[in-house]
Amino acid sequence: MNEKVWEELLVQNDSKIVFLIMDGLGGLPLPGGDKTELETARTPNLDQYASEGICGLLDPIHPGFTPGSGPAHLGLFGYDPVENNIGRGVLSALGIDFELTSRDVAARLNFCTIDEQGRVVDRRAGRISTEVNRKLVEKIRANLKMPAGVELFLETVSEHRAVLVLRGDGLGGNINDTDPQKTGVLPLDPVGEDEASQKTAEYVKEFLRQVKEILKDDHPANFVLARGFAKYVPFPTMEERYGLRSIAIAQYPMYRGLARLVGMTVPPVPETFDDMWEQLKENYDQYDFFFIHFKKTDSYGEDGNFEAKVKMIETVDAWSARLRELNPDVLVVTGDHSTPAVLKSHSWHPVPALLWSKYCRPDGVTRFGESECIKGYLGRMPMKNIILVAMANALRFNKFGA
C-alpha cells in the first residue's frame, strides 16, 4: 500500500503497543522428531496470549528468501526491507552510539588471523577479548596515516568486532566485503561498484595496507576483514511515519543500532532480563511503542543447540507473564526470522506470530507454535504489514473512504 494512504488515516491516542521479539524464533524439528523448538518448549503464558488473540506466520522479505537480521527488523517496523536495505556497517556504528553524518561510509570489521602468505587462518582471531580489541584499535589509530581528503574513525564494538567509518565528500558505499567467508584463502580486495564507491575503496585499500604492517607482530589478531559497507542515509523516524514515540529495550549493539536508525530512544544497555523489565516499567508512561529484543534464541539456533534454544524460549515465556501487569493495548510476539538449530543458520521459513488485544476475534489457536499459527486469522502475511495490524488494534487509524 502507498504509505501516503495510511499516513493520512493516522489517529493520535494514548494506546500502548509492545513488540516482544525473540530473534531467530522460527525453527524445524530435529531428524526423527515432529516438533520445532517453539513447539517443544513449555510456554503457558504465550499459549494464553495466543488463545486470547490471533496468530499467523510472517514472511520477513518474500516467500523463499532467507533474511539477514537488518532487513528483517526493518520489516518488523513496517519499512519495506528491500527498498530500505542497509549495510551492517551503519547498523554496527549506530549500535555503539557513533554519530553518523551524510558524508559517512561505515563497515563492520573482524579482527582476524592471517598466515605468512596472507591467507586467512581464523576469521575471528580466536574471539579475542574486548580489552585486547581496544588495545589493537588504539595501536592502529596511533600509527595510521591516511591521505588527505578523508577522515577515518575506528571504534571497538566487542570481542573481535570493530567499526570502520570513512568521512568525506563524494564517497560511495557500494563496496564488496573483503571477508572471503572461509579460511585458507586470501582476503578479497575492496572494489567499488561505481565511481564514488571506487573512491572509497581506494581509501580502504590504503587502510588495510597500513593495518597489515601495524599488526604484523600481533597474534592472533594480525589483520582485519571488512563486511557490510554502506553509506549512511537518514531514515524517516517511527514518530514521523506512525506518530509513535518509540523506545528500544535491547542488549546487543546491532539491534540498538537498528532502533536508532528509525528514531527510537535507546536507553543504556540492560545487563539482565530483570533490567529489561525495569527499563520497560520506568519508561512505560513516556512512550507509545516498545521494541523488546531477546537475542539468545538466534544464537543457540546458530550454534545448533536445539535444547538451549528451547530453554531460552521458556525463559522469555516466563518473562512475558509480567506484561499483564502493564496491560498494553496491543502485544505482538514474534521473531525477525527463523534460525532452526538443525540448519545452524537463518532460513527462509516463515516466522510464527501472535497478536493480542481486546479487539481480536479469537481464532481457535490455543498453542503458540508454527503448525498451529498457520491456522490463525493472521494467515501468512508479509512481515512489514504486522505493525499496521497492530496499529489498527490500537485504534490508531481512521476509516478509509466515504
Protein backbone atom coordinates (compact mmCIF):
# COMPACT_ATOMS: atom_id res chain seq x y z
CA MET A 1 0.00 0.00 0.00
CA ASN A 2 1.12 3.55 -0.73
CA GLU A 3 2.33 4.97 2.56
CA LYS A 4 0.55 8.25 1.90
CA VAL A 5 -2.77 6.41 2.19
CA TRP A 6 -2.32 5.22 5.75
CA GLU A 7 -0.36 8.27 6.83
CA GLU A 8 -3.49 10.33 6.17
CA LEU A 9 -5.54 7.96 8.35
CA LEU A 10 -3.34 8.23 11.45
CA VAL A 11 -5.01 8.88 14.80
CA GLN A 12 -3.16 10.07 17.90
CA ASN A 13 -4.17 8.45 21.19
CA ASP A 14 -2.53 7.11 24.33
CA SER A 15 -2.56 3.42 23.40
CA LYS A 16 0.48 1.24 24.10
CA ILE A 17 1.93 -1.25 21.57
CA VAL A 18 4.53 -3.81 22.69
CA PHE A 19 6.60 -5.84 20.21
CA LEU A 20 8.33 -8.73 22.02
CA ILE A 21 10.87 -10.14 19.57
CA MET A 22 12.70 -13.42 20.02
CA ASP A 23 15.48 -13.28 17.44
CA GLY A 24 15.53 -16.33 15.16
CA LEU A 25 12.35 -17.70 16.77
CA GLY A 26 11.18 -19.99 13.96
CA GLY A 27 12.61 -23.48 13.78
CA LEU A 28 12.41 -27.03 12.47
CA PRO A 29 12.08 -30.44 14.15
CA LEU A 30 15.19 -32.49 14.76
CA PRO A 31 15.62 -35.52 12.46
CA GLY A 32 13.04 -38.10 13.51
CA GLY A 33 11.09 -35.53 15.54
CA ASP A 34 7.85 -33.72 14.80
CA LYS A 35 8.12 -30.51 16.85
CA THR A 36 10.10 -27.32 16.35
CA GLU A 37 11.96 -25.63 19.19
CA LEU A 38 8.95 -23.39 19.89
CA GLU A 39 6.55 -26.34 19.80
CA THR A 40 8.82 -28.32 22.12
CA ALA A 41 9.08 -25.53 24.67
CA ARG A 42 6.65 -25.25 27.57
CA THR A 43 5.04 -21.84 27.00
CA PRO A 44 1.88 -21.48 29.12
CA ASN A 45 1.94 -17.69 29.02
CA LEU A 46 2.45 -17.36 25.28
CA ASP A 47 -0.18 -20.04 24.75
CA GLN A 48 -2.63 -17.98 26.80
CA TYR A 49 -1.89 -14.86 24.75
CA ALA A 50 -2.37 -16.92 21.60
CA SER A 51 -5.73 -18.29 22.77
CA GLU A 52 -6.94 -14.76 23.54
CA GLY A 53 -5.52 -13.21 20.36
CA ILE A 54 -4.88 -14.11 16.74
CA CYS A 55 -1.97 -15.96 15.15
CA GLY A 56 -0.24 -16.41 11.83
CA LEU A 57 3.07 -16.73 10.01
CA LEU A 58 5.17 -13.82 8.73
CA ASP A 59 7.48 -13.72 5.70
CA PRO A 60 10.32 -11.29 6.53
CA ILE A 61 11.31 -10.50 2.94
CA HIS A 62 9.41 -12.72 0.49
CA PRO A 63 8.46 -16.41 0.49
CA GLY A 64 11.59 -18.46 -0.11
CA PHE A 65 14.05 -15.69 0.79
CA THR A 66 16.43 -16.10 3.74
CA PRO A 67 16.72 -12.72 5.51
CA GLY A 68 19.53 -11.03 7.33
CA SER A 69 18.75 -9.51 10.71
CA GLY A 70 18.86 -5.93 9.42
CA PRO A 71 16.19 -6.12 6.71
CA ALA A 72 14.08 -8.48 8.83
CA HIS A 73 13.88 -5.98 11.68
CA LEU A 74 13.12 -3.14 9.30
CA GLY A 75 10.21 -5.29 8.10
CA LEU A 76 9.00 -5.64 11.69
CA PHE A 77 8.97 -1.86 11.98
CA GLY A 78 6.99 -1.56 8.72
CA TYR A 79 9.81 -0.35 6.46
CA ASP A 80 9.98 -2.22 3.16
CA PRO A 81 13.08 -4.41 3.70
CA VAL A 82 14.06 -4.46 0.02
CA GLU A 83 13.68 -0.75 -0.69
CA ASN A 84 15.35 0.16 2.61
CA ASN A 85 18.13 -2.41 2.81
CA ILE A 86 21.13 -1.06 4.72
CA GLY A 87 24.59 -2.46 5.30
CA ARG A 88 25.80 -3.95 8.56
CA GLY A 89 28.43 -1.26 8.97
CA VAL A 90 25.89 1.51 9.51
CA LEU A 91 23.96 -0.61 11.99
CA SER A 92 27.11 -1.51 13.90
CA ALA A 93 28.17 2.14 14.13
CA LEU A 94 24.77 3.28 15.35
CA GLY A 95 24.74 0.37 17.80
CA ILE A 96 27.73 1.81 19.68
CA ASP A 97 26.30 5.36 19.67
CA PHE A 98 28.58 6.61 16.92
CA GLU A 99 27.09 9.77 15.42
CA LEU A 100 27.00 9.24 11.66
CA THR A 101 26.63 12.01 9.08
CA SER A 102 25.50 12.04 5.46
CA ARG A 103 29.22 12.13 4.42
CA ASP A 104 29.96 8.77 6.09
CA VAL A 105 30.54 5.24 4.81
CA ALA A 106 30.71 2.55 7.51
CA ALA A 107 31.86 -1.06 7.57
CA ARG A 108 31.94 -3.76 10.20
CA LEU A 109 35.42 -5.16 10.88
CA ASN A 110 36.51 -8.53 12.25
CA PHE A 111 39.98 -8.85 13.67
CA CYS A 112 41.36 -12.00 12.08
CA THR A 113 44.47 -14.18 11.84
CA ILE A 114 46.45 -14.47 8.61
CA ASP A 115 49.49 -16.66 7.92
CA GLU A 116 52.82 -15.66 6.36
CA GLN A 117 51.30 -15.89 2.88
CA GLY A 118 48.45 -13.61 3.90
CA ARG A 119 45.82 -16.37 3.89
CA VAL A 120 43.03 -16.24 6.45
CA VAL A 121 43.57 -18.81 9.20
CA ASP A 122 40.89 -17.64 11.66
CA ARG A 123 38.18 -15.17 10.61
CA ARG A 124 37.59 -14.11 14.25
CA ALA A 125 41.14 -14.18 15.66
CA GLY A 126 40.17 -16.72 18.29
CA ARG A 127 37.41 -14.38 19.50
CA ILE A 128 39.84 -12.07 21.27
CA SER A 129 38.61 -10.21 24.33
CA THR A 130 37.10 -6.75 24.09
CA GLU A 131 40.02 -5.39 26.10
CA VAL A 132 42.54 -6.77 23.59
CA ASN A 133 40.38 -5.28 20.83
CA ARG A 134 40.61 -1.83 22.43
CA LYS A 135 44.40 -2.02 22.66
CA LEU A 136 44.66 -3.02 19.00
CA VAL A 137 42.35 -0.18 17.96
CA GLU A 138 44.49 2.29 19.92
CA LYS A 139 47.64 0.92 18.28
CA ILE A 140 46.18 1.32 14.79
CA ARG A 141 44.96 4.85 15.50
CA ALA A 142 48.39 5.87 16.82
CA ASN A 143 50.24 4.63 13.74
CA LEU A 144 47.77 5.19 10.89
CA LYS A 145 48.49 7.99 8.40
CA MET A 146 45.65 8.35 5.91
CA PRO A 147 45.94 10.59 2.81
CA ALA A 148 44.22 13.96 2.57
CA GLY A 149 40.54 14.06 1.64
CA VAL A 150 39.18 11.59 4.16
CA GLU A 151 38.68 11.30 7.91
CA LEU A 152 38.90 7.81 9.34
CA PHE A 153 37.34 6.60 12.57
CA LEU A 154 37.98 3.20 14.14
CA GLU A 155 35.95 2.03 17.12
CA THR A 156 35.75 -1.14 19.21
CA VAL A 157 32.41 -2.98 19.29
CA SER A 158 33.06 -6.16 21.29
CA GLU A 159 35.35 -9.19 21.23
CA HIS A 160 36.75 -9.44 17.68
CA ARG A 161 34.32 -6.90 16.18
CA ALA A 162 35.06 -3.27 15.37
CA VAL A 163 33.64 -0.50 13.19
CA LEU A 164 35.36 1.50 10.45
CA VAL A 165 33.90 4.86 9.36
CA LEU A 166 35.24 6.90 6.44
CA ARG A 167 34.06 10.50 6.23
CA GLY A 168 34.50 12.73 3.21
CA ASP A 169 32.86 14.33 0.19
CA GLY A 170 31.72 12.20 -2.71
CA LEU A 171 32.17 8.82 -1.04
CA GLY A 172 30.06 5.83 -2.05
CA GLY A 173 29.24 2.70 -0.09
CA ASN A 174 28.72 0.07 -2.80
CA ILE A 175 31.82 -1.96 -2.00
CA ASN A 176 32.21 -5.74 -1.71
CA ASP A 177 33.17 -7.45 1.55
CA THR A 178 36.87 -8.25 1.96
CA ASP A 179 35.92 -11.20 4.19
CA PRO A 180 36.11 -14.34 1.99
CA GLN A 181 33.80 -16.17 4.44
CA LYS A 182 36.22 -19.11 4.62
CA THR A 183 39.75 -19.93 5.75
CA GLY A 184 42.77 -20.99 3.72
CA VAL A 185 42.33 -18.22 1.15
CA LEU A 186 43.45 -14.62 0.78
CA PRO A 187 41.17 -11.74 1.84
CA LEU A 188 39.33 -10.14 -1.04
CA ASP A 189 40.35 -6.75 -2.41
CA PRO A 190 37.78 -3.97 -1.93
CA VAL A 191 36.21 -2.93 -5.24
CA GLY A 192 33.63 -0.18 -5.71
CA GLU A 193 30.64 -0.70 -7.98
CA ASP A 194 30.58 2.93 -9.14
CA GLU A 195 32.92 5.90 -9.30
CA ALA A 196 32.07 7.24 -5.82
CA SER A 197 32.38 3.78 -4.28
CA GLN A 198 35.68 3.10 -6.03
CA LYS A 199 36.98 6.33 -4.49
CA THR A 200 36.09 4.91 -1.08
CA ALA A 201 37.59 1.52 -1.99
CA GLU A 202 40.96 3.14 -2.67
CA TYR A 203 40.97 4.63 0.82
CA VAL A 204 40.01 1.22 2.24
CA LYS A 205 42.89 -0.43 0.39
CA GLU A 206 45.31 2.06 1.91
CA PHE A 207 43.84 1.50 5.36
CA LEU A 208 44.20 -2.28 5.01
CA ARG A 209 47.76 -1.97 3.70
CA GLN A 210 48.79 0.02 6.75
CA VAL A 211 46.90 -2.19 9.21
CA LYS A 212 48.71 -5.28 7.90
CA GLU A 213 52.02 -3.58 8.63
CA ILE A 214 50.94 -2.16 12.01
CA LEU A 215 49.64 -5.52 13.30
CA LYS A 216 52.24 -7.81 11.71
CA ASP A 217 53.67 -8.82 15.09
CA ASP A 218 50.33 -9.17 16.89
CA HIS A 219 48.97 -12.66 17.22
CA PRO A 220 46.33 -13.94 16.84
CA ALA A 221 44.81 -10.63 15.69
CA ASN A 222 47.21 -9.56 12.96
CA PHE A 223 44.76 -8.25 10.34
CA VAL A 224 41.14 -7.20 9.77
CA LEU A 225 38.32 -8.25 7.45
CA ALA A 226 35.64 -5.76 6.36
CA ARG A 227 31.96 -6.50 5.82
CA GLY A 228 28.73 -4.62 5.20
CA PHE A 229 29.94 -1.38 3.65
CA ALA A 230 27.16 1.18 3.50
CA LYS A 231 26.70 4.91 3.11
CA TYR A 232 24.59 6.44 5.84
CA VAL A 233 21.24 7.78 4.69
CA PRO A 234 18.84 9.02 7.42
CA PHE A 235 15.53 7.15 7.66
CA PRO A 236 12.15 8.69 8.45
CA THR A 237 11.51 8.00 12.12
CA MET A 238 8.79 5.90 13.71
CA GLU A 239 7.22 9.09 15.01
CA GLU A 240 7.27 10.70 11.56
CA ARG A 241 5.76 7.61 9.91
CA TYR A 242 3.32 6.44 12.54
CA GLY A 243 3.08 9.12 15.21
CA LEU A 244 4.58 6.62 17.67
CA ARG A 245 7.02 7.72 20.36
CA SER A 246 9.19 4.61 20.39
CA ILE A 247 11.79 3.05 22.66
CA ALA A 248 14.05 0.02 22.26
CA ILE A 249 14.96 -2.29 25.12
CA ALA A 250 17.78 -4.41 23.71
CA GLN A 251 21.15 -5.72 24.79
CA TYR A 252 23.01 -6.27 21.51
CA PRO A 253 24.62 -3.41 19.55
CA MET A 254 23.19 -4.22 16.13
CA TYR A 255 19.58 -4.13 17.31
CA ARG A 256 20.18 -0.97 19.27
CA GLY A 257 21.60 0.45 16.04
CA LEU A 258 18.53 -0.60 14.07
CA ALA A 259 16.36 1.11 16.65
CA ARG A 260 18.37 4.34 16.39
CA LEU A 261 18.16 4.16 12.59
CA VAL A 262 14.37 4.55 12.82
CA GLY A 263 14.47 7.19 15.54
CA MET A 264 13.76 5.14 18.66
CA THR A 265 15.04 6.18 22.05
CA VAL A 266 17.72 3.70 23.16
CA PRO A 267 18.44 3.75 26.91
CA PRO A 268 21.65 2.30 28.43
CA VAL A 269 22.32 -1.40 27.83
CA PRO A 270 20.30 -3.53 30.27
CA GLU A 271 22.64 -6.12 31.78
CA THR A 272 19.99 -8.72 32.70
CA PHE A 273 16.45 -9.67 31.73
CA ASP A 274 15.29 -8.19 35.03
CA ASP A 275 16.95 -4.94 33.97
CA MET A 276 14.97 -5.09 30.73
CA TRP A 277 11.76 -5.33 32.74
CA GLU A 278 12.76 -2.38 34.91
CA GLN A 279 13.53 -0.28 31.83
CA LEU A 280 10.13 -1.11 30.40
CA LYS A 281 8.33 -0.12 33.59
CA GLU A 282 10.34 3.06 34.07
CA ASN A 283 9.63 4.29 30.55
CA TYR A 284 6.11 2.98 30.09
CA ASP A 285 4.29 6.28 30.57
CA GLN A 286 6.56 8.24 28.20
CA TYR A 287 6.26 6.12 25.06
CA ASP A 288 3.70 4.53 22.72
CA PHE A 289 5.72 1.74 21.07
CA PHE A 290 8.07 -0.67 22.84
CA PHE A 291 10.56 -2.85 20.95
CA ILE A 292 11.83 -5.56 23.31
CA HIS A 293 14.55 -7.76 21.86
CA PHE A 294 15.87 -11.15 23.05
CA LYS A 295 18.92 -12.40 21.16
CA LYS A 296 19.81 -15.84 22.52
CA THR A 297 17.10 -17.74 20.65
CA ASP A 298 19.02 -16.90 17.48
CA SER A 299 22.46 -17.56 18.99
CA TYR A 300 21.51 -21.03 20.17
CA GLY A 301 19.92 -21.78 16.80
CA GLU A 302 23.15 -20.83 15.02
CA ASP A 303 25.08 -22.99 17.48
CA GLY A 304 22.87 -25.95 16.54
CA ASN A 305 21.80 -26.23 20.18
CA PHE A 306 18.13 -27.28 20.00
CA GLU A 307 17.71 -27.78 23.74
CA ALA A 308 19.28 -24.46 24.69
CA LYS A 309 17.00 -22.65 22.24
CA VAL A 310 14.01 -24.42 23.79
CA LYS A 311 15.07 -23.32 27.28
CA MET A 312 15.57 -19.75 26.10
CA ILE A 313 12.05 -19.67 24.68
CA GLU A 314 10.78 -20.93 28.04
CA THR A 315 12.71 -18.15 29.80
CA VAL A 316 11.11 -15.50 27.60
CA ASP A 317 7.70 -17.10 28.14
CA ALA A 318 8.08 -16.64 31.90
CA TRP A 319 9.28 -13.06 31.34
CA SER A 320 6.25 -12.30 29.16
CA ALA A 321 3.84 -13.05 32.02
CA ARG A 322 4.87 -9.74 33.60
CA LEU A 323 3.39 -7.80 30.70
CA ARG A 324 -0.11 -8.36 32.06
CA GLU A 325 0.81 -6.02 34.92
CA LEU A 326 1.19 -3.20 32.40
CA ASN A 327 -1.87 -4.20 30.36
CA PRO A 328 -0.71 -2.96 26.94
CA ASP A 329 -3.38 -2.29 24.34
CA VAL A 330 -1.58 -4.47 21.80
CA LEU A 331 1.07 -7.14 22.23
CA VAL A 332 2.86 -8.73 19.28
CA VAL A 333 5.14 -11.72 19.90
CA THR A 334 7.22 -12.99 17.01
CA GLY A 335 10.77 -13.20 15.66
CA ASP A 336 12.67 -11.41 12.94
CA HIS A 337 13.40 -14.63 11.06
CA SER A 338 13.75 -18.37 11.59
CA THR A 339 17.02 -19.92 12.80
CA PRO A 340 16.48 -23.68 13.01
CA ALA A 341 19.07 -25.44 15.15
CA VAL A 342 19.13 -28.26 12.63
CA LEU A 343 20.41 -25.81 9.98
CA LYS A 344 22.65 -23.73 12.28
CA SER A 345 21.73 -20.65 10.26
CA HIS A 346 18.98 -18.25 9.29
CA SER A 347 16.41 -19.82 6.99
CA TRP A 348 13.58 -18.95 4.61
CA HIS A 349 10.85 -20.43 6.80
CA PRO A 350 8.06 -18.02 7.82
CA VAL A 351 8.04 -16.88 11.43
CA PRO A 352 5.27 -17.68 13.95
CA ALA A 353 3.47 -14.61 15.27
CA LEU A 354 0.70 -13.77 17.71
CA LEU A 355 -1.16 -10.51 18.17
CA TRP A 356 -3.08 -9.93 21.36
CA SER A 357 -5.56 -7.13 22.01
CA LYS A 358 -9.08 -6.75 23.37
CA TYR A 359 -10.35 -6.27 19.81
CA CYS A 360 -9.17 -9.63 18.43
CA ARG A 361 -11.58 -12.25 17.17
CA PRO A 362 -10.24 -15.42 18.82
CA ASP A 363 -9.31 -17.82 16.05
CA GLY A 364 -9.29 -21.11 17.96
CA VAL A 365 -5.50 -21.32 18.20
CA THR A 366 -4.54 -22.33 21.74
CA ARG A 367 -0.85 -23.20 21.30
CA PHE A 368 1.86 -20.82 20.12
CA GLY A 369 3.78 -22.83 17.53
CA GLU A 370 4.39 -22.98 13.80
CA SER A 371 1.87 -25.68 12.90
CA GLU A 372 -0.89 -24.01 14.95
CA CYS A 373 -0.15 -20.41 13.94
CA ILE A 374 -0.86 -21.03 10.27
CA LYS A 375 -4.45 -21.89 11.25
CA GLY A 376 -4.97 -18.43 12.77
CA TYR A 377 -6.73 -15.35 11.40
CA LEU A 378 -3.49 -13.52 10.60
CA GLY A 379 -2.78 -16.19 7.99
CA ARG A 380 0.53 -15.81 6.20
CA MET A 381 1.44 -12.21 5.53
CA PRO A 382 4.45 -10.02 4.72
CA MET A 383 6.21 -9.07 7.93
CA LYS A 384 6.07 -5.36 7.02
CA ASN A 385 2.27 -5.44 7.48
CA ILE A 386 2.21 -6.61 11.10
CA ILE A 387 2.75 -3.12 12.53
CA LEU A 388 -0.25 -1.83 10.54
CA VAL A 389 -2.45 -4.56 12.02
CA ALA A 390 -1.10 -3.71 15.46
CA MET A 391 -1.92 -0.04 14.97
CA ALA A 392 -5.43 -0.90 13.83
CA ASN A 393 -5.93 -2.87 17.04
CA ALA A 394 -4.62 0.16 18.94
CA LEU A 395 -7.33 2.27 17.24
CA ARG A 396 -4.72 4.44 15.55
CA PHE A 397 -6.33 4.55 12.08
CA ASN A 398 -9.38 6.39 10.83
CA LYS A 399 -11.75 4.87 8.27
CA PHE A 400 -10.59 4.87 4.66
CA GLY A 401 -13.01 6.40 2.20
CA ALA A 402 -16.61 7.50 2.49
